[in-house]
Amino acid sequence: MAVRQEYKFSQEILVGTVESARPVPQTWDTLDGTNYLVHIDQKVKGKQSGEITIFDEHSADGFKLQTGKQYLLFLSNNYQHWIVNKCGNSGELDQVGPVIKQMAHLLGND
């Protein structure tokens, strides 16, 4: 997905550091997966601040995060869970330089 489109459709965009990961068992209203507690280092778009919990369903196309790493994350809220837009431009901060440049251009900060 193009950065411009993903920016438009994402509810939250942030740079964050993963503080912890906790397995979530399947229940009647939730699939099994992992809840990641992410410290928001920089908010790009949205209202969240401080920390945010991001859910990743255990599936082949899941977006796995690693504790201690910093990410650029494009997020949507799905059934009371924040989730990473899986076919988008999210990734480890040190690997998404071109995406950051495109966003700076979109926001007029280049």
Protein backbone atom coordinates (compact mmCIF):
# COMPACT_ATOMS: atom_id res chain seq x y z
CA MET A 1 0.00 0.00 0.00
CA ALA A 2 1.27 3.47 -0.81
CA VAL A 3 2.42 5.56 2.16
CA ARG A 4 -0.10 8.30 1.29
CA GLN A 5 -3.01 5.80 1.37
CA GLU A 6 -1.84 4.12 4.56
CA TYR A 7 -1.41 7.51 6.26
CA LYS A 8 -4.98 8.41 5.32
CA PHE A 9 -6.54 5.13 6.49
CA SER A 10 -4.54 4.56 9.70
CA GLN A 11 -6.14 5.72 12.95
CA GLU A 12 -2.79 5.95 14.77
CA ILE A 13 0.76 6.32 13.43
CA LEU A 14 3.61 6.30 15.90
CA VAL A 15 7.21 5.53 16.62
CA GLY A 16 7.34 3.23 19.60
CA THR A 17 9.57 0.88 21.58
CA VAL A 18 8.24 -2.55 22.53
CA GLU A 19 8.44 -2.91 26.31
CA SER A 20 6.90 -6.36 26.76
CA ALA A 21 5.01 -9.21 25.08
CA ARG A 22 2.30 -11.30 26.73
CA PRO A 23 0.56 -14.34 25.19
CA VAL A 24 -3.22 -14.08 24.94
CA PRO A 25 -5.16 -17.36 24.92
CA GLN A 26 -8.18 -17.81 22.69
CA THR A 27 -11.53 -17.02 24.32
CA TRP A 28 -15.10 -16.83 23.05
CA ASP A 29 -14.50 -13.29 21.75
CA THR A 30 -10.74 -13.24 21.05
CA LEU A 31 -8.38 -15.26 18.88
CA ASP A 32 -5.11 -16.39 20.38
CA GLY A 33 -2.20 -14.05 19.87
CA THR A 34 0.18 -11.71 21.64
CA ASN A 35 -0.38 -8.37 23.35
CA TYR A 36 2.62 -6.05 22.99
CA LEU A 37 3.00 -3.13 25.37
CA VAL A 38 4.57 -0.32 23.34
CA HIS A 39 5.92 2.96 24.73
CA ILE A 40 4.98 5.80 22.36
CA ASP A 41 8.25 7.61 21.62
CA GLN A 42 6.77 9.93 18.99
CA LYS A 43 3.20 10.42 17.83
CA VAL A 44 2.77 11.07 14.10
CA LYS A 45 -1.04 10.83 13.88
CA GLY A 46 -3.75 10.06 16.42
CA LYS A 47 -4.70 10.68 20.03
CA GLN A 48 -2.90 7.93 21.96
CA SER A 49 -0.04 8.90 24.27
CA GLY A 50 2.16 7.22 26.87
CA GLU A 51 1.75 3.54 26.13
CA ILE A 52 -0.43 1.48 23.82
CA THR A 53 -1.24 -2.23 23.73
CA ILE A 54 -1.04 -3.75 20.26
CA PHE A 55 -2.56 -7.17 19.54
CA ASP A 56 -1.08 -9.59 17.01
CA GLU A 57 -3.14 -12.65 16.10
CA HIS A 58 -1.16 -15.88 15.77
CA SER A 59 -1.41 -16.37 12.01
CA ALA A 60 0.84 -16.73 8.99
CA ASP A 61 0.49 -13.05 8.09
CA GLY A 62 0.91 -11.71 11.63
CA PHE A 63 3.18 -8.76 12.38
CA LYS A 64 5.63 -9.95 15.02
CA LEU A 65 7.31 -7.35 17.23
CA GLN A 66 10.45 -7.85 19.31
CA THR A 67 10.88 -6.55 22.85
CA GLY A 68 13.39 -3.70 23.05
CA LYS A 69 13.16 -2.76 19.36
CA GLN A 70 11.82 0.53 18.03
CA TYR A 71 9.22 0.55 15.25
CA LEU A 72 7.29 2.87 12.99
CA LEU A 73 3.72 1.55 13.30
CA PHE A 74 0.61 2.25 11.25
CA LEU A 75 -2.34 1.11 13.41
CA SER A 76 -6.07 0.50 13.16
CA ASN A 77 -8.55 -0.39 15.85
CA ASN A 78 -10.24 -3.74 15.22
CA TYR A 79 -12.77 -5.13 17.73
CA GLN A 80 -11.34 -3.16 20.67
CA HIS A 81 -7.75 -4.11 19.76
CA TRP A 82 -5.06 -1.94 18.20
CA ILE A 83 -3.50 -3.89 15.33
CA VAL A 84 -0.67 -3.22 12.89
CA ASN A 85 -1.77 -2.76 9.28
CA LYS A 86 -0.18 -5.95 7.96
CA CYS A 87 0.25 -5.14 4.28
CA GLY A 88 1.63 -1.72 4.88
CA ASN A 89 4.72 0.25 5.66
CA SER A 90 5.25 -0.55 9.36
CA GLY A 91 8.66 -1.85 10.31
CA GLU A 92 11.75 -1.55 12.47
CA LEU A 93 12.74 2.09 12.65
CA ASP A 94 16.23 1.51 11.22
CA GLN A 95 14.70 -0.17 8.13
CA VAL A 96 11.95 2.29 7.19
CA GLY A 97 13.98 5.36 6.18
CA PRO A 98 12.28 5.72 2.77
CA VAL A 99 8.83 5.55 4.40
CA ILE A 100 9.80 8.28 6.89
CA LYS A 101 11.04 10.47 4.03
CA GLN A 102 7.75 10.00 2.16
CA MET A 103 5.75 10.87 5.29
CA ALA A 104 7.86 13.99 5.89
CA HIS A 105 7.11 15.03 2.32
CA LEU A 106 3.36 14.37 2.83
CA LEU A 107 3.36 16.45 6.01
CA GLY A 108 5.41 19.24 4.45
CA ASN A 109 8.44 18.69 6.70
CA ASP A 110 11.05 17.97 4.03
